[in-house]
Amino acid sequence: MLTVAELWRSTDPAAWAAALERYWQFVQPANLALERSLDRLDLDRIRRLDAQGWYDFLRDEYFRWKYTAPNRYATTTRSLAEYAIAPGGLELLDGIRLRLLTIDPADIRAGLSAAREIKGLGAAGASGLLALMYPATFATVDQFVVKALREVGSLPESDALARMRPEALTTSDGVALIGIMTRKAADNKRLFGASDWTPRKIDQVLWTYGR
């Protein structure tokens, strides 16, 4: 198997296709159906949700997808549950849904900032939600992506990558990381003449290398 540095420089579409398929080998069998479902998330489904449906989606699907470790799921959903307890909380949360549906998908910083308003989500969690909603412009940023990109070497953002705290990423870190993955997705489209490479697919590849 190619190293991540070798893959990053590879112009072989088969190598990239194999790396993307490898993502599914790392998914826990118990989570496979949920992974497949959210990988094909229809934005119209999010548009049709009401306040309770949005809360249920986040708690039962998105948070479970993002936080596979039981302790992390328990901690983050405890924060999310504050919306269900506080008067007007679900309506407040639903307001964030409506804003996420009307953002400019090209404004990465604004999108991350809006999604981070959801209790329980940091930069990593916010980016994951946006990557499912807008895979053509957003990618999931997390510790595994940072660790993989540090192995690529010679990136213009190498110094910034070295300064990042992988388990405590900031919004600015997220903007920089998504920028790297957007650039690589564009490179793959140009090299392979394929329109289906997205920042989201790049993060799936990097996630397997950073583990």
N, C-alpha and C. Protein backbone atom coordinates (compact mmCIF):
# COMPACT_ATOMS: atom_id res chain seq x y z
N MET A 1 0.83 -1.19 0.00
CA MET A 1 0.00 0.00 0.00
C MET A 1 0.88 1.25 0.00
N LEU A 2 0.47 2.25 -0.75
CA LEU A 2 1.21 3.49 -0.79
C LEU A 2 1.13 4.21 0.55
N THR A 3 2.20 4.92 0.89
CA THR A 3 2.11 5.81 2.05
C THR A 3 1.24 7.01 1.66
N VAL A 4 0.82 7.78 2.65
CA VAL A 4 -0.02 8.94 2.34
C VAL A 4 0.76 9.96 1.52
N ALA A 5 2.05 10.09 1.77
CA ALA A 5 2.87 11.01 0.98
C ALA A 5 2.95 10.56 -0.47
N GLU A 6 3.11 9.25 -0.67
CA GLU A 6 3.17 8.72 -2.04
C GLU A 6 1.83 8.88 -2.74
N LEU A 7 0.75 8.61 -2.02
CA LEU A 7 -0.58 8.76 -2.62
C LEU A 7 -0.84 10.20 -3.00
N TRP A 8 -0.47 11.13 -2.13
CA TRP A 8 -0.73 12.55 -2.37
C TRP A 8 -0.11 13.03 -3.68
N ARG A 9 0.99 12.42 -4.04
CA ARG A 9 1.69 12.80 -5.27
C ARG A 9 1.34 11.90 -6.45
N SER A 10 0.52 10.89 -6.20
CA SER A 10 0.19 9.92 -7.24
C SER A 10 -0.77 10.51 -8.27
N THR A 11 -0.53 10.17 -9.52
CA THR A 11 -1.44 10.56 -10.61
C THR A 11 -2.19 9.34 -11.14
N ASP A 12 -2.21 8.29 -10.33
CA ASP A 12 -2.89 7.05 -10.71
C ASP A 12 -4.31 7.05 -10.13
N PRO A 13 -5.33 7.15 -10.98
CA PRO A 13 -6.70 7.18 -10.46
C PRO A 13 -7.08 5.91 -9.71
N ALA A 14 -6.50 4.76 -10.10
CA ALA A 14 -6.81 3.51 -9.43
C ALA A 14 -6.30 3.52 -7.99
N ALA A 15 -5.15 4.13 -7.77
CA ALA A 15 -4.61 4.22 -6.42
C ALA A 15 -5.51 5.04 -5.52
N TRP A 16 -6.03 6.13 -6.05
CA TRP A 16 -6.93 6.98 -5.28
C TRP A 16 -8.27 6.28 -5.05
N ALA A 17 -8.76 5.58 -6.05
CA ALA A 17 -10.02 4.86 -5.89
C ALA A 17 -9.88 3.77 -4.81
N ALA A 18 -8.75 3.08 -4.80
CA ALA A 18 -8.53 2.04 -3.80
C ALA A 18 -8.43 2.65 -2.40
N ALA A 19 -7.79 3.81 -2.31
CA ALA A 19 -7.65 4.48 -1.01
C ALA A 19 -9.01 4.92 -0.48
N LEU A 20 -9.87 5.37 -1.38
CA LEU A 20 -11.21 5.79 -0.95
C LEU A 20 -12.04 4.58 -0.51
N GLU A 21 -11.95 3.50 -1.23
CA GLU A 21 -12.69 2.30 -0.87
C GLU A 21 -12.21 1.75 0.48
N ARG A 22 -10.96 1.97 0.79
CA ARG A 22 -10.39 1.48 2.05
C ARG A 22 -11.10 2.10 3.26
N TYR A 23 -11.68 3.25 3.09
CA TYR A 23 -12.41 3.91 4.18
C TYR A 23 -13.41 2.96 4.82
N TRP A 24 -14.11 2.21 3.98
CA TRP A 24 -15.20 1.37 4.48
C TRP A 24 -14.68 0.19 5.29
N GLN A 25 -13.41 -0.15 5.14
CA GLN A 25 -12.83 -1.23 5.94
C GLN A 25 -12.63 -0.82 7.39
N PHE A 26 -12.61 0.49 7.63
CA PHE A 26 -12.39 1.00 8.98
C PHE A 26 -13.69 1.29 9.72
N VAL A 27 -14.80 1.21 9.02
CA VAL A 27 -16.09 1.47 9.66
C VAL A 27 -16.50 0.26 10.49
N GLN A 28 -16.91 0.51 11.73
CA GLN A 28 -17.35 -0.58 12.59
C GLN A 28 -18.61 -1.21 11.98
N PRO A 29 -18.68 -2.53 11.93
CA PRO A 29 -19.84 -3.20 11.32
C PRO A 29 -21.18 -2.71 11.88
N ALA A 30 -21.22 -2.42 13.16
CA ALA A 30 -22.47 -1.96 13.76
C ALA A 30 -22.89 -0.59 13.25
N ASN A 31 -21.92 0.16 12.71
CA ASN A 31 -22.22 1.51 12.23
C ASN A 31 -22.34 1.59 10.71
N LEU A 32 -22.19 0.47 10.03
CA LEU A 32 -22.11 0.49 8.57
C LEU A 32 -23.38 1.04 7.93
N ALA A 33 -24.55 0.60 8.39
CA ALA A 33 -25.80 1.07 7.79
C ALA A 33 -25.95 2.57 7.97
N LEU A 34 -25.61 3.08 9.15
CA LEU A 34 -25.69 4.52 9.40
C LEU A 34 -24.70 5.26 8.52
N GLU A 35 -23.49 4.73 8.39
CA GLU A 35 -22.48 5.36 7.54
C GLU A 35 -22.96 5.45 6.10
N ARG A 36 -23.52 4.36 5.60
CA ARG A 36 -24.00 4.36 4.21
C ARG A 36 -25.13 5.37 4.03
N SER A 37 -26.02 5.43 5.01
CA SER A 37 -27.16 6.33 4.93
C SER A 37 -26.70 7.79 4.90
N LEU A 38 -25.81 8.16 5.82
CA LEU A 38 -25.38 9.56 5.89
C LEU A 38 -24.43 9.92 4.76
N ASP A 39 -23.76 8.93 4.20
CA ASP A 39 -22.89 9.20 3.05
C ASP A 39 -23.72 9.63 1.84
N ARG A 40 -25.01 9.27 1.86
CA ARG A 40 -25.91 9.65 0.75
C ARG A 40 -26.97 10.65 1.24
N LEU A 41 -26.64 11.41 2.25
CA LEU A 41 -27.61 12.33 2.84
C LEU A 41 -28.19 13.28 1.80
N ASP A 42 -29.51 13.34 1.75
CA ASP A 42 -30.22 14.25 0.85
C ASP A 42 -30.55 15.52 1.62
N LEU A 43 -30.05 16.65 1.13
CA LEU A 43 -30.27 17.92 1.82
C LEU A 43 -31.75 18.24 1.96
N ASP A 44 -32.55 17.77 1.03
CA ASP A 44 -33.99 18.00 1.14
C ASP A 44 -34.57 17.34 2.38
N ARG A 45 -33.94 16.26 2.81
CA ARG A 45 -34.41 15.63 4.04
C ARG A 45 -34.25 16.58 5.23
N ILE A 46 -33.12 17.27 5.29
CA ILE A 46 -32.89 18.24 6.36
C ILE A 46 -33.88 19.39 6.25
N ARG A 47 -34.19 19.79 5.03
CA ARG A 47 -35.15 20.89 4.83
C ARG A 47 -36.54 20.52 5.34
N ARG A 48 -36.90 19.26 5.24
CA ARG A 48 -38.24 18.83 5.62
C ARG A 48 -38.41 18.62 7.13
N LEU A 49 -37.34 18.60 7.88
CA LEU A 49 -37.43 18.33 9.31
C LEU A 49 -38.08 19.48 10.06
N ASP A 50 -38.81 19.15 11.12
CA ASP A 50 -39.28 20.18 12.03
C ASP A 50 -38.29 20.25 13.19
N ALA A 51 -38.58 21.06 14.20
CA ALA A 51 -37.64 21.26 15.29
C ALA A 51 -37.32 19.96 16.02
N GLN A 52 -38.34 19.16 16.31
CA GLN A 52 -38.11 17.89 17.00
C GLN A 52 -37.36 16.91 16.11
N GLY A 53 -37.71 16.89 14.83
CA GLY A 53 -37.04 16.00 13.90
C GLY A 53 -35.56 16.33 13.74
N TRP A 54 -35.21 17.61 13.76
CA TRP A 54 -33.82 18.05 13.66
C TRP A 54 -33.03 17.61 14.90
N TYR A 55 -33.64 17.79 16.05
CA TYR A 55 -33.01 17.35 17.30
C TYR A 55 -32.78 15.83 17.27
N ASP A 56 -33.81 15.08 16.85
CA ASP A 56 -33.70 13.63 16.80
C ASP A 56 -32.62 13.19 15.81
N PHE A 57 -32.56 13.86 14.67
CA PHE A 57 -31.54 13.54 13.67
C PHE A 57 -30.15 13.74 14.24
N LEU A 58 -29.92 14.87 14.90
CA LEU A 58 -28.61 15.13 15.48
C LEU A 58 -28.27 14.10 16.55
N ARG A 59 -29.20 13.84 17.45
CA ARG A 59 -28.93 12.93 18.57
C ARG A 59 -28.77 11.48 18.12
N ASP A 60 -29.68 11.03 17.27
CA ASP A 60 -29.74 9.60 16.95
C ASP A 60 -28.92 9.20 15.73
N GLU A 61 -28.63 10.17 14.87
CA GLU A 61 -27.88 9.84 13.66
C GLU A 61 -26.54 10.57 13.59
N TYR A 62 -26.57 11.90 13.55
CA TYR A 62 -25.30 12.60 13.33
C TYR A 62 -24.32 12.40 14.49
N PHE A 63 -24.76 12.65 15.72
CA PHE A 63 -23.83 12.49 16.84
C PHE A 63 -23.36 11.04 16.97
N ARG A 64 -24.23 10.10 16.67
CA ARG A 64 -23.82 8.70 16.75
C ARG A 64 -22.80 8.38 15.65
N TRP A 65 -22.95 9.02 14.50
CA TRP A 65 -22.00 8.84 13.40
C TRP A 65 -20.65 9.46 13.74
N LYS A 66 -20.68 10.66 14.31
CA LYS A 66 -19.44 11.40 14.56
C LYS A 66 -18.71 10.90 15.79
N TYR A 67 -19.44 10.56 16.83
CA TYR A 67 -18.80 10.20 18.10
C TYR A 67 -19.05 8.72 18.38
N THR A 68 -18.20 7.89 17.81
CA THR A 68 -18.41 6.44 17.91
C THR A 68 -17.96 5.88 19.26
N ALA A 69 -17.07 6.59 19.96
CA ALA A 69 -16.68 6.14 21.30
C ALA A 69 -17.83 6.43 22.26
N PRO A 70 -18.27 5.44 23.02
CA PRO A 70 -19.43 5.63 23.90
C PRO A 70 -19.30 6.82 24.86
N ASN A 71 -18.10 7.04 25.40
CA ASN A 71 -17.94 8.16 26.34
C ASN A 71 -18.08 9.51 25.65
N ARG A 72 -17.57 9.62 24.43
CA ARG A 72 -17.69 10.88 23.68
C ARG A 72 -19.14 11.12 23.27
N TYR A 73 -19.82 10.05 22.88
CA TYR A 73 -21.23 10.20 22.50
C TYR A 73 -22.05 10.65 23.71
N ALA A 74 -21.78 10.06 24.86
CA ALA A 74 -22.52 10.42 26.07
C ALA A 74 -22.28 11.88 26.44
N THR A 75 -21.03 12.32 26.35
CA THR A 75 -20.70 13.70 26.72
C THR A 75 -21.33 14.72 25.78
N THR A 76 -21.21 14.46 24.49
CA THR A 76 -21.72 15.44 23.52
C THR A 76 -23.24 15.48 23.48
N THR A 77 -23.88 14.32 23.61
CA THR A 77 -25.34 14.33 23.60
C THR A 77 -25.91 14.92 24.89
N ARG A 78 -25.14 14.87 25.95
CA ARG A 78 -25.57 15.53 27.19
C ARG A 78 -25.67 17.04 26.95
N SER A 79 -24.71 17.57 26.22
CA SER A 79 -24.76 19.00 25.88
C SER A 79 -25.94 19.28 24.95
N LEU A 80 -26.13 18.42 23.95
CA LEU A 80 -27.23 18.60 23.01
C LEU A 80 -28.58 18.56 23.73
N ALA A 81 -28.69 17.71 24.72
CA ALA A 81 -29.96 17.52 25.43
C ALA A 81 -30.43 18.79 26.14
N GLU A 82 -29.54 19.75 26.33
CA GLU A 82 -29.95 21.00 26.96
C GLU A 82 -31.03 21.71 26.14
N TYR A 83 -31.02 21.49 24.83
CA TYR A 83 -32.05 22.09 23.98
C TYR A 83 -33.43 21.52 24.30
N ALA A 84 -33.48 20.24 24.64
CA ALA A 84 -34.76 19.59 24.91
C ALA A 84 -35.32 19.97 26.28
N ILE A 85 -34.46 20.48 27.13
CA ILE A 85 -34.86 20.82 28.50
C ILE A 85 -35.25 22.29 28.63
N ALA A 86 -34.47 23.15 28.01
CA ALA A 86 -34.68 24.60 28.17
C ALA A 86 -35.93 25.06 27.41
N PRO A 87 -36.70 25.97 27.98
CA PRO A 87 -37.86 26.53 27.27
C PRO A 87 -37.40 27.19 25.96
N GLY A 88 -38.05 26.83 24.89
CA GLY A 88 -37.69 27.37 23.58
C GLY A 88 -36.41 26.83 23.01
N GLY A 89 -35.84 25.81 23.66
CA GLY A 89 -34.55 25.28 23.21
C GLY A 89 -34.60 24.64 21.84
N LEU A 90 -35.62 23.85 21.59
CA LEU A 90 -35.71 23.18 20.28
C LEU A 90 -35.89 24.20 19.16
N GLU A 91 -36.61 25.27 19.43
CA GLU A 91 -36.80 26.31 18.42
C GLU A 91 -35.47 27.02 18.15
N LEU A 92 -34.67 27.23 19.21
CA LEU A 92 -33.35 27.84 19.04
C LEU A 92 -32.46 26.95 18.18
N LEU A 93 -32.48 25.66 18.47
CA LEU A 93 -31.69 24.71 17.69
C LEU A 93 -32.17 24.68 16.25
N ASP A 94 -33.47 24.74 16.05
CA ASP A 94 -34.02 24.70 14.69
C ASP A 94 -33.62 25.94 13.91
N GLY A 95 -33.45 27.04 14.62
CA GLY A 95 -32.97 28.25 13.95
C GLY A 95 -31.60 28.06 13.35
N ILE A 96 -30.76 27.27 14.02
CA ILE A 96 -29.44 26.98 13.47
C ILE A 96 -29.58 26.13 12.21
N ARG A 97 -30.50 25.18 12.24
CA ARG A 97 -30.75 24.36 11.03
C ARG A 97 -31.11 25.26 9.85
N LEU A 98 -32.00 26.20 10.07
CA LEU A 98 -32.44 27.08 8.99
C LEU A 98 -31.28 27.92 8.47
N ARG A 99 -30.41 28.36 9.35
CA ARG A 99 -29.26 29.14 8.91
C ARG A 99 -28.28 28.29 8.13
N LEU A 100 -28.08 27.04 8.57
CA LEU A 100 -27.18 26.16 7.84
C LEU A 100 -27.71 25.85 6.44
N LEU A 101 -29.00 25.88 6.28
CA LEU A 101 -29.60 25.62 4.96
C LEU A 101 -29.52 26.82 4.04
N THR A 102 -29.18 27.98 4.59
CA THR A 102 -29.13 29.19 3.76
C THR A 102 -27.73 29.80 3.68
N ILE A 103 -26.72 29.12 4.22
CA ILE A 103 -25.37 29.65 4.14
C ILE A 103 -24.86 29.60 2.71
N ASP A 104 -23.85 30.38 2.45
CA ASP A 104 -23.10 30.26 1.21
C ASP A 104 -22.13 29.10 1.41
N PRO A 105 -22.32 27.97 0.72
CA PRO A 105 -21.45 26.81 0.96
C PRO A 105 -19.98 27.08 0.69
N ALA A 106 -19.68 28.17 -0.03
CA ALA A 106 -18.29 28.49 -0.30
C ALA A 106 -17.64 29.28 0.84
N ASP A 107 -18.45 29.77 1.77
CA ASP A 107 -17.93 30.54 2.91
C ASP A 107 -17.66 29.57 4.06
N ILE A 108 -16.49 28.99 4.04
CA ILE A 108 -16.16 27.92 4.98
C ILE A 108 -16.17 28.42 6.42
N ARG A 109 -15.58 29.56 6.66
CA ARG A 109 -15.51 30.09 8.03
C ARG A 109 -16.91 30.36 8.59
N ALA A 110 -17.77 30.99 7.79
CA ALA A 110 -19.11 31.30 8.26
C ALA A 110 -19.90 30.03 8.54
N GLY A 111 -19.73 29.02 7.67
CA GLY A 111 -20.43 27.76 7.88
C GLY A 111 -19.98 27.06 9.15
N LEU A 112 -18.67 27.00 9.37
CA LEU A 112 -18.16 26.37 10.58
C LEU A 112 -18.61 27.12 11.83
N SER A 113 -18.59 28.44 11.76
CA SER A 113 -19.00 29.23 12.92
C SER A 113 -20.47 28.99 13.26
N ALA A 114 -21.31 28.89 12.24
CA ALA A 114 -22.73 28.65 12.47
C ALA A 114 -22.96 27.27 13.06
N ALA A 115 -22.31 26.25 12.50
CA ALA A 115 -22.51 24.89 12.99
C ALA A 115 -21.96 24.71 14.40
N ARG A 116 -20.92 25.45 14.74
CA ARG A 116 -20.34 25.34 16.08
C ARG A 116 -21.27 25.88 17.15
N GLU A 117 -22.29 26.61 16.77
CA GLU A 117 -23.25 27.10 17.76
C GLU A 117 -24.10 25.96 18.34
N ILE A 118 -24.12 24.82 17.67
CA ILE A 118 -24.84 23.66 18.19
C ILE A 118 -24.09 23.12 19.40
N LYS A 119 -24.76 23.03 20.53
CA LYS A 119 -24.12 22.55 21.75
C LYS A 119 -23.57 21.14 21.53
N GLY A 120 -22.34 20.95 21.95
CA GLY A 120 -21.69 19.66 21.80
C GLY A 120 -20.75 19.57 20.62
N LEU A 121 -20.82 20.55 19.71
CA LEU A 121 -19.97 20.50 18.52
C LEU A 121 -18.83 21.51 18.61
N GLY A 122 -17.61 21.01 18.44
CA GLY A 122 -16.45 21.86 18.25
C GLY A 122 -16.19 21.98 16.76
N ALA A 123 -14.98 22.37 16.41
CA ALA A 123 -14.66 22.53 14.99
C ALA A 123 -14.78 21.21 14.24
N ALA A 124 -14.32 20.12 14.85
CA ALA A 124 -14.39 18.81 14.18
C ALA A 124 -15.83 18.38 13.96
N GLY A 125 -16.64 18.48 15.01
CA GLY A 125 -18.04 18.09 14.89
C GLY A 125 -18.81 18.95 13.92
N ALA A 126 -18.53 20.26 13.93
CA ALA A 126 -19.20 21.17 13.01
C ALA A 126 -18.84 20.85 11.56
N SER A 127 -17.56 20.57 11.33
CA SER A 127 -17.12 20.29 9.96
C SER A 127 -17.75 19.00 9.44
N GLY A 128 -17.90 18.01 10.31
CA GLY A 128 -18.50 16.74 9.88
C GLY A 128 -19.93 16.92 9.42
N LEU A 129 -20.70 17.70 10.18
CA LEU A 129 -22.08 17.94 9.80
C LEU A 129 -22.16 18.65 8.46
N LEU A 130 -21.32 19.65 8.27
CA LEU A 130 -21.33 20.40 7.01
C LEU A 130 -20.82 19.55 5.85
N ALA A 131 -19.88 18.65 6.12
CA ALA A 131 -19.37 17.77 5.07
C ALA A 131 -20.45 16.83 4.55
N LEU A 132 -21.35 16.41 5.44
CA LEU A 132 -22.47 15.57 5.01
C LEU A 132 -23.50 16.38 4.24
N MET A 133 -23.70 17.62 4.67
CA MET A 133 -24.69 18.48 4.01
C MET A 133 -24.17 19.03 2.69
N TYR A 134 -22.90 19.42 2.67
CA TYR A 134 -22.31 20.07 1.49
C TYR A 134 -20.96 19.43 1.15
N PRO A 135 -20.96 18.17 0.70
CA PRO A 135 -19.70 17.47 0.46
C PRO A 135 -18.85 18.07 -0.65
N ALA A 136 -19.46 18.89 -1.51
CA ALA A 136 -18.71 19.49 -2.62
C ALA A 136 -17.81 20.63 -2.15
N THR A 137 -18.07 21.17 -0.95
CA THR A 137 -17.27 22.31 -0.47
C THR A 137 -16.71 22.12 0.93
N PHE A 138 -17.28 21.23 1.71
CA PHE A 138 -16.80 21.01 3.07
C PHE A 138 -16.19 19.62 3.22
N ALA A 139 -15.32 19.48 4.21
CA ALA A 139 -14.71 18.20 4.55
C ALA A 139 -14.66 18.10 6.07
N THR A 140 -14.64 16.89 6.57
CA THR A 140 -14.49 16.69 8.00
C THR A 140 -13.05 16.93 8.40
N VAL A 141 -12.85 17.73 9.43
CA VAL A 141 -11.51 17.95 9.98
C VAL A 141 -11.46 17.31 11.36
N ASP A 142 -10.42 16.56 11.62
CA ASP A 142 -10.26 15.93 12.92
C ASP A 142 -8.80 15.57 13.12
N GLN A 143 -8.51 14.94 14.25
CA GLN A 143 -7.12 14.61 14.57
C GLN A 143 -6.49 13.70 13.54
N PHE A 144 -7.28 12.82 12.94
CA PHE A 144 -6.73 11.86 11.98
C PHE A 144 -6.31 12.54 10.68
N VAL A 145 -7.10 13.51 10.26
CA VAL A 145 -6.74 14.28 9.06
C VAL A 145 -5.46 15.05 9.30
N VAL A 146 -5.33 15.67 10.45
CA VAL A 146 -4.12 16.43 10.77
C VAL A 146 -2.90 15.51 10.77
N LYS A 147 -3.02 14.39 11.45
CA LYS A 147 -1.90 13.45 11.53
C LYS A 147 -1.48 12.96 10.15
N ALA A 148 -2.47 12.67 9.29
CA ALA A 148 -2.15 12.21 7.93
C ALA A 148 -1.47 13.30 7.12
N LEU A 149 -2.00 14.52 7.18
CA LEU A 149 -1.43 15.61 6.39
C LEU A 149 -0.02 15.97 6.85
N ARG A 150 0.26 15.78 8.12
CA ARG A 150 1.63 16.04 8.58
C ARG A 150 2.63 15.09 7.94
N GLU A 151 2.14 13.92 7.50
CA GLU A 151 3.01 12.94 6.86
C GLU A 151 3.22 13.22 5.37
N VAL A 152 2.37 14.09 4.82
CA VAL A 152 2.49 14.40 3.39
C VAL A 152 3.79 15.15 3.13
N GLY A 153 4.07 16.15 3.97
CA GLY A 153 5.28 16.94 3.80
C GLY A 153 5.17 17.92 2.65
N SER A 154 5.96 18.95 2.69
CA SER A 154 6.10 19.95 1.62
C SER A 154 4.79 20.64 1.23
N LEU A 155 3.81 20.64 2.12
CA LEU A 155 2.60 21.41 1.86
C LEU A 155 2.85 22.87 2.23
N PRO A 156 2.23 23.81 1.54
CA PRO A 156 2.39 25.22 1.93
C PRO A 156 1.96 25.48 3.37
N GLU A 157 1.04 24.63 3.86
CA GLU A 157 0.52 24.81 5.21
C GLU A 157 1.26 23.96 6.26
N SER A 158 2.45 23.44 5.92
CA SER A 158 3.16 22.53 6.83
C SER A 158 3.42 23.16 8.19
N ASP A 159 3.83 24.41 8.22
CA ASP A 159 4.10 25.06 9.50
C ASP A 159 2.82 25.19 10.32
N ALA A 160 1.72 25.55 9.66
CA ALA A 160 0.44 25.67 10.36
C ALA A 160 -0.01 24.31 10.89
N LEU A 161 0.21 23.27 10.11
CA LEU A 161 -0.15 21.91 10.55
C LEU A 161 0.64 21.51 11.79
N ALA A 162 1.90 21.88 11.82
CA ALA A 162 2.75 21.53 12.96
C ALA A 162 2.29 22.22 14.25
N ARG A 163 1.67 23.40 14.09
CA ARG A 163 1.23 24.15 15.27
C ARG A 163 -0.15 23.72 15.78
N MET A 164 -0.90 23.01 14.96
CA MET A 164 -2.27 22.63 15.35
C MET A 164 -2.26 21.64 16.50
N ARG A 165 -3.27 21.75 17.34
CA ARG A 165 -3.50 20.75 18.38
C ARG A 165 -4.59 19.82 17.84
N PRO A 166 -4.22 18.63 17.38
CA PRO A 166 -5.16 17.77 16.65
C PRO A 166 -6.47 17.48 17.37
N GLU A 167 -6.44 17.41 18.68
CA GLU A 167 -7.65 17.07 19.42
C GLU A 167 -8.38 18.31 19.93
N ALA A 168 -7.91 19.48 19.55
CA ALA A 168 -8.57 20.73 19.96
C ALA A 168 -8.46 21.74 18.82
N LEU A 169 -9.00 21.38 17.67
CA LEU A 169 -8.90 22.22 16.49
C LEU A 169 -9.77 23.47 16.62
N THR A 170 -9.29 24.57 16.07
CA THR A 170 -10.04 25.82 16.07
C THR A 170 -10.76 26.00 14.73
N THR A 171 -11.61 27.00 14.68
CA THR A 171 -12.28 27.30 13.41
C THR A 171 -11.26 27.66 12.34
N SER A 172 -10.23 28.43 12.71
CA SER A 172 -9.20 28.78 11.73
C SER A 172 -8.45 27.55 11.24
N ASP A 173 -8.19 26.61 12.15
CA ASP A 173 -7.59 25.34 11.72
C ASP A 173 -8.49 24.65 10.70
N GLY A 174 -9.78 24.64 10.99
CA GLY A 174 -10.73 24.00 10.08
C GLY A 174 -10.73 24.62 8.71
N VAL A 175 -10.68 25.93 8.66
CA VAL A 175 -10.64 26.63 7.36
C VAL A 175 -9.40 26.21 6.58
N ALA A 176 -8.26 26.17 7.26
CA ALA A 176 -7.01 25.80 6.59
C ALA A 176 -7.04 24.35 6.10
N LEU A 177 -7.52 23.45 6.94
CA LEU A 177 -7.56 22.03 6.57
C LEU A 177 -8.51 21.78 5.40
N ILE A 178 -9.67 22.41 5.46
CA ILE A 178 -10.63 22.25 4.35
C ILE A 178 -10.06 22.84 3.07
N GLY A 179 -9.29 23.92 3.22
CA GLY A 179 -8.64 24.49 2.04
C GLY A 179 -7.69 23.52 1.37
N ILE A 180 -6.93 22.79 2.18
CA ILE A 180 -6.00 21.79 1.63
C ILE A 180 -6.77 20.70 0.90
N MET A 181 -7.83 20.21 1.51
CA MET A 181 -8.59 19.11 0.91
C MET A 181 -9.36 19.56 -0.32
N THR A 182 -9.82 20.81 -0.32
CA THR A 182 -10.49 21.35 -1.50
C THR A 182 -9.52 21.43 -2.67
N ARG A 183 -8.32 21.85 -2.38
CA ARG A 183 -7.29 21.97 -3.43
C ARG A 183 -6.95 20.59 -4.00
N LYS A 184 -6.84 19.59 -3.13
CA LYS A 184 -6.51 18.25 -3.62
C LYS A 184 -7.67 17.66 -4.42
N ALA A 185 -8.91 17.91 -4.00
CA ALA A 185 -10.06 17.43 -4.76
C ALA A 185 -10.07 18.04 -6.16
N ALA A 186 -9.74 19.33 -6.25
CA ALA A 186 -9.67 20.00 -7.56
C ALA A 186 -8.55 19.41 -8.40
N ASP A 187 -7.41 19.10 -7.78
CA ASP A 187 -6.30 18.48 -8.51
C ASP A 187 -6.72 17.13 -9.09
N ASN A 188 -7.41 16.33 -8.28
CA ASN A 188 -7.83 15.01 -8.74
C ASN A 188 -8.84 15.13 -9.88
N LYS A 189 -9.75 16.07 -9.78
CA LYS A 189 -10.70 16.29 -10.88
C LYS A 189 -9.97 16.59 -12.17
N ARG A 190 -8.98 17.46 -12.07
CA ARG A 190 -8.24 17.87 -13.27
C ARG A 190 -7.40 16.72 -13.82
N LEU A 191 -6.71 16.01 -12.92
CA LEU A 191 -5.82 14.94 -13.36
C LEU A 191 -6.58 13.75 -13.94
N PHE A 192 -7.69 13.42 -13.32
CA PHE A 192 -8.41 12.20 -13.69
C PHE A 192 -9.59 12.47 -14.61
N GLY A 193 -9.88 13.73 -14.88
CA GLY A 193 -11.04 14.05 -15.70
C GLY A 193 -12.32 13.54 -15.08
N ALA A 194 -12.36 13.53 -13.74
CA ALA A 194 -13.52 13.00 -13.02
C ALA A 194 -14.11 14.10 -12.15
N SER A 195 -15.39 14.26 -12.22
CA SER A 195 -16.05 15.35 -11.48
C SER A 195 -16.48 14.92 -10.09
N ASP A 196 -16.28 13.65 -9.73
CA ASP A 196 -16.85 13.17 -8.48
C ASP A 196 -15.90 13.26 -7.29
N TRP A 197 -14.70 13.82 -7.48
CA TRP A 197 -13.82 14.02 -6.33
C TRP A 197 -14.23 15.28 -5.59
N THR A 198 -14.45 15.13 -4.29
CA THR A 198 -14.90 16.24 -3.45
C THR A 198 -14.00 16.35 -2.22
N PRO A 199 -14.03 17.48 -1.53
CA PRO A 199 -13.28 17.57 -0.27
C PRO A 199 -13.69 16.48 0.72
N ARG A 200 -14.96 16.13 0.73
CA ARG A 200 -15.43 15.07 1.63
C ARG A 200 -14.73 13.74 1.33
N LYS A 201 -14.54 13.41 0.06
CA LYS A 201 -13.87 12.16 -0.28
C LYS A 201 -12.39 12.20 0.11
N ILE A 202 -11.79 13.37 0.01
CA ILE A 202 -10.39 13.49 0.45
C ILE A 202 -10.29 13.24 1.94
N ASP A 203 -11.25 13.77 2.72
CA ASP A 203 -11.17 13.54 4.17
C ASP A 203 -11.37 12.06 4.49
N GLN A 204 -12.19 11.36 3.72
CA GLN A 204 -12.36 9.93 3.96
C GLN A 204 -11.05 9.17 3.74
N VAL A 205 -10.32 9.56 2.71
CA VAL A 205 -9.02 8.93 2.44
C VAL A 205 -8.05 9.22 3.58
N LEU A 206 -7.96 10.48 3.98
CA LEU A 206 -6.99 10.86 5.01
C LEU A 206 -7.33 10.24 6.37
N TRP A 207 -8.61 10.07 6.63
CA TRP A 207 -9.04 9.50 7.91
C TRP A 207 -8.44 8.11 8.12
N THR A 208 -8.34 7.34 7.05
CA THR A 208 -7.78 5.98 7.20
C THR A 208 -6.28 6.02 7.44
N TYR A 209 -5.60 7.00 6.88
CA TYR A 209 -4.16 7.09 7.06
C TYR A 209 -3.78 7.65 8.42
N GLY A 210 -4.63 8.46 9.01
CA GLY A 210 -4.31 9.07 10.29
C GLY A 210 -4.60 8.22 11.49
N ARG A 211 -5.23 7.08 11.28
CA ARG A 211 -5.63 6.23 12.40
C ARG A 211 -4.49 5.35 12.89
